[in-house]
PDB file of N, CA and C in Angstrom:
ATOM      1  N   UNK A   1      -1.902  24.938  -4.168  1.00  0.00           N
ATOM      2  CA  UNK A   1      -2.146  24.111  -5.337  1.00  0.00           C
ATOM      3  C   UNK A   1      -3.565  23.565  -5.261  1.00  0.00           C
ATOM      4  N   UNK A   2      -4.415  24.082  -6.079  1.00  0.00           N
ATOM      5  CA  UNK A   2      -5.795  23.637  -6.118  1.00  0.00           C
ATOM      6  C   UNK A   2      -5.892  22.341  -6.920  1.00  0.00           C
ATOM      7  N   UNK A   3      -6.645  21.370  -6.406  1.00  0.00           N
ATOM      8  CA  UNK A   3      -6.856  20.071  -7.047  1.00  0.00           C
ATOM      9  C   UNK A   3      -5.560  19.267  -7.180  1.00  0.00           C
ATOM     10  N   UNK A   4      -4.616  19.492  -6.290  1.00  0.00           N
ATOM     11  CA  UNK A   4      -3.352  18.763  -6.320  1.00  0.00           C
ATOM     12  C   UNK A   4      -2.998  18.308  -4.915  1.00  0.00           C
ATOM     13  N   UNK A   5      -2.555  17.067  -4.801  1.00  0.00           N
ATOM     14  CA  UNK A   5      -2.009  16.573  -3.543  1.00  0.00           C
ATOM     15  C   UNK A   5      -0.597  16.076  -3.817  1.00  0.00           C
ATOM     16  N   UNK A   6       0.244  16.123  -2.796  1.00  0.00           N
ATOM     17  CA  UNK A   6       1.609  15.623  -2.917  1.00  0.00           C
ATOM     18  C   UNK A   6       1.681  14.316  -2.142  1.00  0.00           C
ATOM     19  N   UNK A   7       2.011  13.242  -2.855  1.00  0.00           N
ATOM     20  CA  UNK A   7       2.053  11.904  -2.268  1.00  0.00           C
ATOM     21  C   UNK A   7       3.506  11.477  -2.147  1.00  0.00           C
ATOM     22  N   UNK A   8       3.885  11.032  -0.962  1.00  0.00           N
ATOM     23  CA  UNK A   8       5.241  10.548  -0.732  1.00  0.00           C
ATOM     24  C   UNK A   8       5.222   9.023  -0.732  1.00  0.00           C
ATOM     25  N   UNK A   9       6.089   8.423  -1.545  1.00  0.00           N
ATOM     26  CA  UNK A   9       6.187   6.967  -1.643  1.00  0.00           C
ATOM     27  C   UNK A   9       7.558   6.568  -1.111  1.00  0.00           C
ATOM     28  N   UNK A  10       7.570   5.714  -0.087  1.00  0.00           N
ATOM     29  CA  UNK A  10       8.835   5.268   0.488  1.00  0.00           C
ATOM     30  C   UNK A  10       9.094   3.822   0.105  1.00  0.00           C
ATOM     31  N   UNK A  11      10.367   3.507  -0.064  1.00  0.00           N
ATOM     32  CA  UNK A  11      10.770   2.146  -0.418  1.00  0.00           C
ATOM     33  C   UNK A  11      12.054   1.806   0.327  1.00  0.00           C
ATOM     34  N   UNK A  12      12.190   0.552   0.697  1.00  0.00           N
ATOM     35  CA  UNK A  12      13.408   0.072   1.332  1.00  0.00           C
ATOM     36  C   UNK A  12      14.245  -0.633   0.286  1.00  0.00           C
ATOM     37  N   UNK A  13      15.483  -0.202   0.155  1.00  0.00           N
ATOM     38  CA  UNK A  13      16.383  -0.789  -0.828  1.00  0.00           C
ATOM     39  C   UNK A  13      17.612  -1.337  -0.119  1.00  0.00           C
ATOM     40  N   UNK A  14      18.325  -2.212  -0.800  1.00  0.00           N
ATOM     41  CA  UNK A  14      19.556  -2.784  -0.272  1.00  0.00           C
ATOM     42  C   UNK A  14      20.702  -2.426  -1.207  1.00  0.00           C
ATOM     43  N   UNK A  15      21.795  -1.975  -0.628  1.00  0.00           N
ATOM     44  CA  UNK A  15      22.963  -1.624  -1.427  1.00  0.00           C
ATOM     45  C   UNK A  15      23.556  -2.896  -2.027  1.00  0.00           C
ATOM     46  N   UNK A  16      23.855  -2.898  -3.339  1.00  0.00           N
ATOM     47  CA  UNK A  16      24.304  -4.136  -3.987  1.00  0.00           C
ATOM     48  C   UNK A  16      25.656  -4.649  -3.494  1.00  0.00           C
ATOM     49  N   UNK A  17      26.536  -3.765  -3.109  1.00  0.00           N
ATOM     50  CA  UNK A  17      27.865  -4.209  -2.677  1.00  0.00           C
ATOM     51  C   UNK A  17      27.944  -4.440  -1.166  1.00  0.00           C
ATOM     52  N   UNK A  18      27.403  -3.507  -0.386  1.00  0.00           N
ATOM     53  CA  UNK A  18      27.557  -3.555   1.064  1.00  0.00           C
ATOM     54  C   UNK A  18      26.387  -4.220   1.784  1.00  0.00           C
ATOM     55  N   UNK A  19      25.293  -4.500   1.091  1.00  0.00           N
ATOM     56  CA  UNK A  19      24.125  -5.202   1.636  1.00  0.00           C
ATOM     57  C   UNK A  19      23.502  -4.485   2.834  1.00  0.00           C
ATOM     58  N   UNK A  20      23.637  -3.182   2.855  1.00  0.00           N
ATOM     59  CA  UNK A  20      23.006  -2.405   3.906  1.00  0.00           C
ATOM     60  C   UNK A  20      21.658  -1.911   3.400  1.00  0.00           C
ATOM     61  N   UNK A  21      20.637  -2.001   4.243  1.00  0.00           N
ATOM     62  CA  UNK A  21      19.305  -1.526   3.881  1.00  0.00           C
ATOM     63  C   UNK A  21      19.198  -0.035   4.165  1.00  0.00           C
ATOM     64  N   UNK A  22      18.520   0.675   3.275  1.00  0.00           N
ATOM     65  CA  UNK A  22      18.278   2.092   3.476  1.00  0.00           C
ATOM     66  C   UNK A  22      16.922   2.447   2.892  1.00  0.00           C
ATOM     67  N   UNK A  23      16.389   3.554   3.361  1.00  0.00           N
ATOM     68  CA  UNK A  23      15.053   3.985   2.966  1.00  0.00           C
ATOM     69  C   UNK A  23      15.179   5.149   1.990  1.00  0.00           C
ATOM     70  N   UNK A  24      14.451   5.055   0.880  1.00  0.00           N
ATOM     71  CA  UNK A  24      14.374   6.150  -0.071  1.00  0.00           C
ATOM     72  C   UNK A  24      12.920   6.597  -0.177  1.00  0.00           C
ATOM     73  N   UNK A  25      12.725   7.846  -0.541  1.00  0.00           N
ATOM     74  CA  UNK A  25      11.364   8.336  -0.729  1.00  0.00           C
ATOM     75  C   UNK A  25      11.321   9.222  -1.961  1.00  0.00           C
ATOM     76  N   UNK A  26      10.148   9.264  -2.570  1.00  0.00           N
ATOM     77  CA  UNK A  26       9.936  10.092  -3.747  1.00  0.00           C
ATOM     78  C   UNK A  26       8.572  10.745  -3.622  1.00  0.00           C
ATOM     79  N   UNK A  27       8.488  12.005  -4.026  1.00  0.00           N
ATOM     80  CA  UNK A  27       7.239  12.752  -3.925  1.00  0.00           C
ATOM     81  C   UNK A  27       6.643  12.947  -5.311  1.00  0.00           C
ATOM     82  N   UNK A  28       5.345  12.679  -5.420  1.00  0.00           N
ATOM     83  CA  UNK A  28       4.621  12.830  -6.680  1.00  0.00           C
ATOM     84  C   UNK A  28       3.526  13.865  -6.487  1.00  0.00           C
ATOM     85  N   UNK A  29       3.347  14.740  -7.477  1.00  0.00           N
ATOM     86  CA  UNK A  29       2.204  15.647  -7.484  1.00  0.00           C
ATOM     87  C   UNK A  29       1.086  14.933  -8.220  1.00  0.00           C
ATOM     88  N   UNK A  30      -0.029  14.724  -7.514  1.00  0.00           N
ATOM     89  CA  UNK A  30      -1.125  13.902  -8.012  1.00  0.00           C
ATOM     90  C   UNK A  30      -2.382  14.753  -8.119  1.00  0.00           C
ATOM     91  N   UNK A  31      -3.119  14.578  -9.217  1.00  0.00           N
ATOM     92  CA  UNK A  31      -4.339  15.342  -9.473  1.00  0.00           C
ATOM     93  C   UNK A  31      -5.493  14.782  -8.652  1.00  0.00           C
ATOM     94  N   UNK A  32      -6.166  15.652  -7.906  1.00  0.00           N
ATOM     95  CA  UNK A  32      -7.331  15.307  -7.086  1.00  0.00           C
ATOM     96  C   UNK A  32      -8.478  16.204  -7.539  1.00  0.00           C
ATOM     97  N   UNK A  33      -9.310  15.711  -8.434  1.00  0.00           N
ATOM     98  CA  UNK A  33     -10.336  16.521  -9.095  1.00  0.00           C
ATOM     99  C   UNK A  33     -11.310  17.163  -8.115  1.00  0.00           C
ATOM    100  N   UNK A  34     -11.727  16.446  -7.070  1.00  0.00           N
ATOM    101  CA  UNK A  34     -12.764  16.943  -6.169  1.00  0.00           C
ATOM    102  C   UNK A  34     -12.220  17.506  -4.857  1.00  0.00           C
ATOM    103  N   UNK A  35     -10.909  17.580  -4.707  1.00  0.00           N
ATOM    104  CA  UNK A  35     -10.294  18.040  -3.450  1.00  0.00           C
ATOM    105  C   UNK A  35     -10.830  17.275  -2.248  1.00  0.00           C
ATOM    106  N   UNK A  36     -10.966  15.958  -2.370  1.00  0.00           N
ATOM    107  CA  UNK A  36     -11.582  15.168  -1.311  1.00  0.00           C
ATOM    108  C   UNK A  36     -10.584  14.519  -0.362  1.00  0.00           C
ATOM    109  N   UNK A  37      -9.303  14.542  -0.677  1.00  0.00           N
ATOM    110  CA  UNK A  37      -8.311  13.887   0.164  1.00  0.00           C
ATOM    111  C   UNK A  37      -7.580  14.908   1.018  1.00  0.00           C
ATOM    112  N   UNK A  38      -7.239  14.498   2.236  1.00  0.00           N
ATOM    113  CA  UNK A  38      -6.548  15.391   3.152  1.00  0.00           C
ATOM    114  C   UNK A  38      -5.231  14.758   3.589  1.00  0.00           C
ATOM    115  N   UNK A  39      -4.459  15.469   4.357  1.00  0.00           N
ATOM    116  CA  UNK A  39      -3.151  15.000   4.801  1.00  0.00           C
ATOM    117  C   UNK A  39      -3.291  13.736   5.641  1.00  0.00           C
ATOM    118  N   UNK A  40      -2.474  12.748   5.358  1.00  0.00           N
ATOM    119  CA  UNK A  40      -2.496  11.495   6.094  1.00  0.00           C
ATOM    120  C   UNK A  40      -3.275  10.389   5.414  1.00  0.00           C
ATOM    121  N   UNK A  41      -4.028  10.693   4.369  1.00  0.00           N
ATOM    122  CA  UNK A  41      -4.780   9.668   3.645  1.00  0.00           C
ATOM    123  C   UNK A  41      -3.835   8.834   2.787  1.00  0.00           C
ATOM    124  N   UNK A  42      -4.076   7.524   2.759  1.00  0.00           N
ATOM    125  CA  UNK A  42      -3.321   6.631   1.876  1.00  0.00           C
ATOM    126  C   UNK A  42      -4.134   6.472   0.599  1.00  0.00           C
ATOM    127  N   UNK A  43      -3.516   6.751  -0.543  1.00  0.00           N
ATOM    128  CA  UNK A  43      -4.234   6.710  -1.813  1.00  0.00           C
ATOM    129  C   UNK A  43      -3.494   5.844  -2.824  1.00  0.00           C
ATOM    130  N   UNK A  44      -4.235   5.387  -3.820  1.00  0.00           N
ATOM    131  CA  UNK A  44      -3.667   4.686  -4.964  1.00  0.00           C
ATOM    132  C   UNK A  44      -3.779   5.620  -6.159  1.00  0.00           C
ATOM    133  N   UNK A  45      -2.688   5.733  -6.929  1.00  0.00           N
ATOM    134  CA  UNK A  45      -2.706   6.637  -8.073  1.00  0.00           C
ATOM    135  C   UNK A  45      -2.066   5.972  -9.276  1.00  0.00           C
ATOM    136  N   UNK A  46      -2.441   6.460 -10.469  1.00  0.00           N
ATOM    137  CA  UNK A  46      -1.949   5.891 -11.724  1.00  0.00           C
ATOM    138  C   UNK A  46      -1.415   7.010 -12.613  1.00  0.00           C
ATOM    139  N   UNK A  47      -0.603   6.621 -13.562  1.00  0.00           N
ATOM    140  CA  UNK A  47      -0.031   7.576 -14.502  1.00  0.00           C
ATOM    141  C   UNK A  47      -1.074   7.963 -15.549  1.00  0.00           C
ATOM    142  N   UNK A  48      -1.020   9.209 -15.999  1.00  0.00           N
ATOM    143  CA  UNK A  48      -1.947   9.692 -17.024  1.00  0.00           C
ATOM    144  C   UNK A  48      -1.212  10.697 -17.909  1.00  0.00           C
ATOM    145  N   UNK A  49      -1.933  11.336 -18.783  1.00  0.00           N
ATOM    146  CA  UNK A  49      -1.329  12.341 -19.658  1.00  0.00           C
ATOM    147  C   UNK A  49      -0.855  13.521 -18.808  1.00  0.00           C
ATOM    148  N   UNK A  50       0.067  14.315 -19.310  1.00  0.00           N
ATOM    149  CA  UNK A  50       0.522  15.480 -18.547  1.00  0.00           C
ATOM    150  C   UNK A  50      -0.616  16.478 -18.316  1.00  0.00           C
ATOM    151  N   UNK A  51      -0.850  16.807 -17.061  1.00  0.00           N
ATOM    152  CA  UNK A  51      -1.894  17.760 -16.700  1.00  0.00           C
ATOM    153  C   UNK A  51      -1.316  19.147 -16.443  1.00  0.00           C
ATOM    154  N   UNK A  52      -0.046  19.202 -16.106  1.00  0.00           N
ATOM    155  CA  UNK A  52       0.665  20.465 -15.927  1.00  0.00           C
ATOM    156  C   UNK A  52       2.151  20.164 -16.050  1.00  0.00           C
ATOM    157  N   UNK A  53       2.973  21.118 -15.673  1.00  0.00           N
ATOM    158  CA  UNK A  53       4.419  20.928 -15.792  1.00  0.00           C
ATOM    159  C   UNK A  53       4.906  19.741 -14.963  1.00  0.00           C
ATOM    160  N   UNK A  54       4.363  19.562 -13.772  1.00  0.00           N
ATOM    161  CA  UNK A  54       4.835  18.519 -12.859  1.00  0.00           C
ATOM    162  C   UNK A  54       3.842  17.383 -12.630  1.00  0.00           C
ATOM    163  N   UNK A  55       2.582  17.557 -13.014  1.00  0.00           N
ATOM    164  CA  UNK A  55       1.559  16.546 -12.718  1.00  0.00           C
ATOM    165  C   UNK A  55       1.368  15.581 -13.877  1.00  0.00           C
ATOM    166  N   UNK A  56       1.639  14.292 -13.605  1.00  0.00           N
ATOM    167  CA  UNK A  56       1.403  13.234 -14.584  1.00  0.00           C
ATOM    168  C   UNK A  56       0.720  12.037 -13.933  1.00  0.00           C
ATOM    169  N   UNK A  57       0.068  12.268 -12.816  1.00  0.00           N
ATOM    170  CA  UNK A  57      -0.571  11.207 -12.052  1.00  0.00           C
ATOM    171  C   UNK A  57      -1.954  11.661 -11.626  1.00  0.00           C
ATOM    172  N   UNK A  58      -2.872  10.701 -11.446  1.00  0.00           N
ATOM    173  CA  UNK A  58      -4.200  11.020 -10.923  1.00  0.00           C
ATOM    174  C   UNK A  58      -4.603   9.978  -9.894  1.00  0.00           C
ATOM    175  N   UNK A  59      -5.425  10.385  -8.951  1.00  0.00           N
ATOM    176  CA  UNK A  59      -5.852   9.516  -7.857  1.00  0.00           C
ATOM    177  C   UNK A  59      -6.925   8.563  -8.356  1.00  0.00           C
ATOM    178  N   UNK A  60      -6.798   7.291  -7.991  1.00  0.00           N
ATOM    179  CA  UNK A  60      -7.855   6.320  -8.282  1.00  0.00           C
ATOM    180  C   UNK A  60      -8.823   6.230  -7.114  1.00  0.00           C
ATOM    181  N   UNK A  61      -8.309   5.898  -5.933  1.00  0.00           N
ATOM    182  CA  UNK A  61      -9.161   5.750  -4.762  1.00  0.00           C
ATOM    183  C   UNK A  61      -8.313   5.795  -3.499  1.00  0.00           C
ATOM    184  N   UNK A  62      -9.007   5.921  -2.359  1.00  0.00           N
ATOM    185  CA  UNK A  62      -8.334   5.911  -1.067  1.00  0.00           C
ATOM    186  C   UNK A  62      -8.212   4.473  -0.583  1.00  0.00           C
ATOM    187  N   UNK A  63      -7.079   4.136  -0.011  1.00  0.00           N
ATOM    188  CA  UNK A  63      -6.855   2.794   0.522  1.00  0.00           C
ATOM    189  C   UNK A  63      -7.484   2.733   1.906  1.00  0.00           C
ATOM    190  N   UNK A  64      -8.331   1.746   2.128  1.00  0.00           N
ATOM    191  CA  UNK A  64      -8.983   1.586   3.428  1.00  0.00           C
ATOM    192  C   UNK A  64      -8.013   0.962   4.413  1.00  0.00           C
ATOM    193  N   UNK A  65      -8.048   1.445   5.645  1.00  0.00           N
ATOM    194  CA  UNK A  65      -7.150   0.922   6.680  1.00  0.00           C
ATOM    195  C   UNK A  65      -7.785  -0.219   7.430  1.00  0.00           C
TER     196      UNK A  65
END
């Protein structure tokens, strides 16, 4: 996938009845115009117009550690 990165977003949720915490994750295909990000980079992305069948997000910037 040229100019595309896959970003995984994890969240901790609590079950409403049993009050047990569990981890969920979701993967987003994000547009990277300059191919400047590599695996392991933390990025911020926003929603945009549909760029392809699965891409509706674009990268804003890399989060500094």
